[in-house]
Amino acid sequence: MKQVKRAAHSGHIPPTDPLVSCIVCSTPSELGIHIGDQFICQRCEAEMVLTDVTDEKYPFFIKQMKKIWLKENA
């Protein structure tokens, strides 16, 4: 029986395009999440989830996330 190597399930589905730019860091990446027509790379998603509301990075993340809402309602 052939063994299939499985990646740890993280809930992320790689995009159909090989590289998509992250709306937070602008870095092209293959792994991350799509929200509407926007993309957040895995690294930024992990950092945002762990960022406390009192952290100085928090307002930046909120500003970048607004791009999702603004594009959908434009």
N, C-alpha and C. Protein backbone atom coordinates (compact mmCIF):
# COMPACT_ATOMS: atom_id res chain seq x y z
N MET A 1 0.84 -1.18 0.00
CA MET A 1 0.00 0.00 0.00
C MET A 1 0.89 1.25 0.00
N LYS A 2 0.62 2.16 -0.91
CA LYS A 2 1.40 3.37 -1.02
C LYS A 2 1.01 4.36 0.07
N GLN A 3 2.02 4.88 0.79
CA GLN A 3 1.74 5.87 1.82
C GLN A 3 1.72 7.25 1.20
N VAL A 4 0.77 8.04 1.61
CA VAL A 4 0.67 9.41 1.13
C VAL A 4 1.10 10.32 2.27
N LYS A 5 2.08 11.16 1.96
CA LYS A 5 2.54 12.11 2.97
C LYS A 5 1.52 13.23 3.09
N ARG A 6 1.03 13.45 4.28
CA ARG A 6 0.03 14.49 4.51
C ARG A 6 0.63 15.62 5.31
N ALA A 7 0.31 16.81 4.90
CA ALA A 7 0.70 17.98 5.67
C ALA A 7 -0.25 18.10 6.85
N ALA A 8 0.25 18.68 7.91
CA ALA A 8 -0.61 18.92 9.07
C ALA A 8 -1.76 19.81 8.64
N HIS A 9 -2.98 19.45 8.98
CA HIS A 9 -4.14 20.23 8.58
C HIS A 9 -4.20 21.51 9.40
N SER A 10 -4.14 22.61 8.70
CA SER A 10 -4.16 23.91 9.38
C SER A 10 -5.41 24.70 9.04
N GLY A 11 -6.28 24.13 8.18
CA GLY A 11 -7.47 24.86 7.78
C GLY A 11 -7.21 25.78 6.60
N HIS A 12 -5.97 25.79 6.11
CA HIS A 12 -5.61 26.65 4.99
C HIS A 12 -5.66 25.86 3.70
N ILE A 13 -6.19 26.47 2.69
CA ILE A 13 -6.20 25.87 1.37
C ILE A 13 -5.32 26.75 0.49
N PRO A 14 -4.29 26.17 -0.11
CA PRO A 14 -3.44 26.98 -0.96
C PRO A 14 -4.24 27.61 -2.09
N PRO A 15 -3.92 28.84 -2.45
CA PRO A 15 -4.64 29.49 -3.54
C PRO A 15 -4.38 28.80 -4.87
N THR A 16 -5.26 29.05 -5.83
CA THR A 16 -5.07 28.46 -7.15
C THR A 16 -3.92 29.14 -7.88
N ASP A 17 -3.70 30.42 -7.64
CA ASP A 17 -2.54 31.10 -8.21
C ASP A 17 -1.33 30.75 -7.35
N PRO A 18 -0.18 30.49 -7.98
CA PRO A 18 0.98 30.08 -7.21
C PRO A 18 1.42 31.11 -6.17
N LEU A 19 1.47 32.37 -6.54
CA LEU A 19 1.88 33.40 -5.58
C LEU A 19 0.86 34.54 -5.60
N VAL A 20 0.41 34.91 -4.42
CA VAL A 20 -0.53 36.00 -4.26
C VAL A 20 0.06 36.93 -3.22
N SER A 21 -0.07 38.23 -3.40
CA SER A 21 0.48 39.19 -2.45
C SER A 21 -0.43 39.36 -1.25
N CYS A 22 0.17 39.32 -0.08
CA CYS A 22 -0.55 39.48 1.19
C CYS A 22 -0.96 40.94 1.35
N ILE A 23 -2.19 41.19 1.82
CA ILE A 23 -2.66 42.56 2.02
C ILE A 23 -2.03 43.20 3.24
N VAL A 24 -1.40 42.41 4.10
CA VAL A 24 -0.77 42.95 5.31
C VAL A 24 0.69 43.31 5.04
N CYS A 25 1.48 42.37 4.53
CA CYS A 25 2.91 42.59 4.36
C CYS A 25 3.34 42.77 2.91
N SER A 26 2.43 42.57 1.97
CA SER A 26 2.69 42.70 0.52
C SER A 26 3.66 41.65 -0.03
N THR A 27 3.99 40.65 0.76
CA THR A 27 4.90 39.60 0.32
C THR A 27 4.13 38.54 -0.47
N PRO A 28 4.64 38.15 -1.62
CA PRO A 28 3.99 37.06 -2.36
C PRO A 28 4.13 35.75 -1.59
N SER A 29 3.08 34.97 -1.55
CA SER A 29 3.09 33.72 -0.81
C SER A 29 2.13 32.73 -1.45
N GLU A 30 2.38 31.46 -1.21
CA GLU A 30 1.48 30.40 -1.69
C GLU A 30 0.50 29.98 -0.61
N LEU A 31 0.89 30.13 0.66
CA LEU A 31 0.07 29.65 1.76
C LEU A 31 -0.54 30.79 2.54
N GLY A 32 -1.81 30.64 2.83
CA GLY A 32 -2.51 31.65 3.59
C GLY A 32 -4.01 31.47 3.43
N ILE A 33 -4.73 32.53 3.73
CA ILE A 33 -6.19 32.46 3.63
C ILE A 33 -6.70 33.55 2.69
N HIS A 34 -7.76 33.21 1.99
CA HIS A 34 -8.46 34.17 1.14
C HIS A 34 -9.72 34.61 1.87
N ILE A 35 -9.91 35.91 1.91
CA ILE A 35 -11.13 36.49 2.48
C ILE A 35 -11.68 37.38 1.38
N GLY A 36 -12.79 36.97 0.82
CA GLY A 36 -13.30 37.67 -0.36
C GLY A 36 -12.27 37.51 -1.46
N ASP A 37 -11.86 38.61 -2.06
CA ASP A 37 -10.83 38.52 -3.09
C ASP A 37 -9.46 38.96 -2.58
N GLN A 38 -9.32 39.05 -1.26
CA GLN A 38 -8.06 39.45 -0.64
C GLN A 38 -7.35 38.23 -0.04
N PHE A 39 -6.05 38.36 0.21
CA PHE A 39 -5.24 37.26 0.70
C PHE A 39 -4.39 37.71 1.87
N ILE A 40 -4.32 36.87 2.92
CA ILE A 40 -3.44 37.10 4.07
C ILE A 40 -2.54 35.89 4.18
N CYS A 41 -1.22 36.13 4.17
CA CYS A 41 -0.28 35.01 4.25
C CYS A 41 -0.33 34.37 5.64
N GLN A 42 0.15 33.15 5.69
CA GLN A 42 0.10 32.38 6.93
C GLN A 42 0.87 33.07 8.05
N ARG A 43 2.02 33.67 7.71
CA ARG A 43 2.83 34.34 8.72
C ARG A 43 2.08 35.52 9.35
N CYS A 44 1.46 36.35 8.52
CA CYS A 44 0.72 37.51 9.03
C CYS A 44 -0.52 37.08 9.81
N GLU A 45 -1.20 36.05 9.32
CA GLU A 45 -2.38 35.56 10.04
C GLU A 45 -1.99 35.12 11.44
N ALA A 46 -0.91 34.35 11.55
CA ALA A 46 -0.45 33.86 12.85
C ALA A 46 -0.07 35.02 13.76
N GLU A 47 0.61 36.01 13.21
CA GLU A 47 1.01 37.16 14.02
C GLU A 47 -0.20 37.97 14.48
N MET A 48 -1.19 38.15 13.59
CA MET A 48 -2.39 38.90 13.97
C MET A 48 -3.16 38.20 15.08
N VAL A 49 -3.28 36.89 14.97
CA VAL A 49 -4.03 36.13 15.97
C VAL A 49 -3.39 36.26 17.36
N LEU A 50 -2.07 36.35 17.39
CA LEU A 50 -1.35 36.43 18.66
C LEU A 50 -1.14 37.85 19.17
N THR A 51 -1.54 38.86 18.38
CA THR A 51 -1.33 40.25 18.76
C THR A 51 -2.42 40.72 19.71
N ASP A 52 -1.99 41.25 20.84
CA ASP A 52 -2.91 41.80 21.84
C ASP A 52 -3.39 43.17 21.37
N VAL A 53 -4.59 43.56 21.78
CA VAL A 53 -5.15 44.85 21.37
C VAL A 53 -4.33 46.03 21.89
N THR A 54 -3.51 45.82 22.90
CA THR A 54 -2.68 46.89 23.43
C THR A 54 -1.32 46.98 22.72
N ASP A 55 -1.03 46.03 21.86
CA ASP A 55 0.24 46.01 21.12
C ASP A 55 0.26 47.15 20.11
N GLU A 56 1.42 47.75 19.90
CA GLU A 56 1.51 48.86 18.94
C GLU A 56 1.24 48.45 17.50
N LYS A 57 1.35 47.15 17.18
CA LYS A 57 1.07 46.65 15.83
C LYS A 57 -0.43 46.52 15.56
N TYR A 58 -1.24 46.46 16.60
CA TYR A 58 -2.67 46.21 16.45
C TYR A 58 -3.36 47.20 15.50
N PRO A 59 -3.16 48.51 15.67
CA PRO A 59 -3.83 49.45 14.75
C PRO A 59 -3.41 49.24 13.29
N PHE A 60 -2.16 48.86 13.05
CA PHE A 60 -1.71 48.59 11.69
C PHE A 60 -2.48 47.42 11.11
N PHE A 61 -2.64 46.35 11.89
CA PHE A 61 -3.38 45.18 11.41
C PHE A 61 -4.83 45.54 11.11
N ILE A 62 -5.43 46.34 11.94
CA ILE A 62 -6.82 46.78 11.72
C ILE A 62 -6.90 47.58 10.41
N LYS A 63 -5.95 48.49 10.20
CA LYS A 63 -5.92 49.29 8.98
C LYS A 63 -5.82 48.39 7.75
N GLN A 64 -4.95 47.40 7.79
CA GLN A 64 -4.78 46.50 6.66
C GLN A 64 -6.03 45.65 6.44
N MET A 65 -6.66 45.19 7.51
CA MET A 65 -7.86 44.37 7.40
C MET A 65 -9.03 45.16 6.81
N LYS A 66 -9.04 46.47 7.00
CA LYS A 66 -10.10 47.31 6.42
C LYS A 66 -10.11 47.23 4.90
N LYS A 67 -8.97 46.89 4.30
CA LYS A 67 -8.90 46.74 2.85
C LYS A 67 -9.89 45.68 2.36
N ILE A 68 -10.11 44.68 3.17
CA ILE A 68 -11.05 43.61 2.79
C ILE A 68 -12.46 44.19 2.71
N TRP A 69 -12.88 44.88 3.76
CA TRP A 69 -14.22 45.43 3.83
C TRP A 69 -14.42 46.52 2.78
N LEU A 70 -13.43 47.39 2.61
CA LEU A 70 -13.57 48.49 1.68
C LEU A 70 -13.68 48.01 0.24
N LYS A 71 -12.93 46.99 -0.13
CA LYS A 71 -13.02 46.46 -1.50
C LYS A 71 -14.35 45.80 -1.76
N GLU A 72 -14.87 45.05 -0.76
CA GLU A 72 -16.13 44.34 -0.94
C GLU A 72 -17.30 45.31 -1.05
N ASN A 73 -17.19 46.47 -0.43
CA ASN A 73 -18.29 47.42 -0.42
C ASN A 73 -18.04 48.62 -1.34
N ALA A 74 -17.04 48.53 -2.17
CA ALA A 74 -16.72 49.66 -3.08
C ALA A 74 -17.71 49.73 -4.22
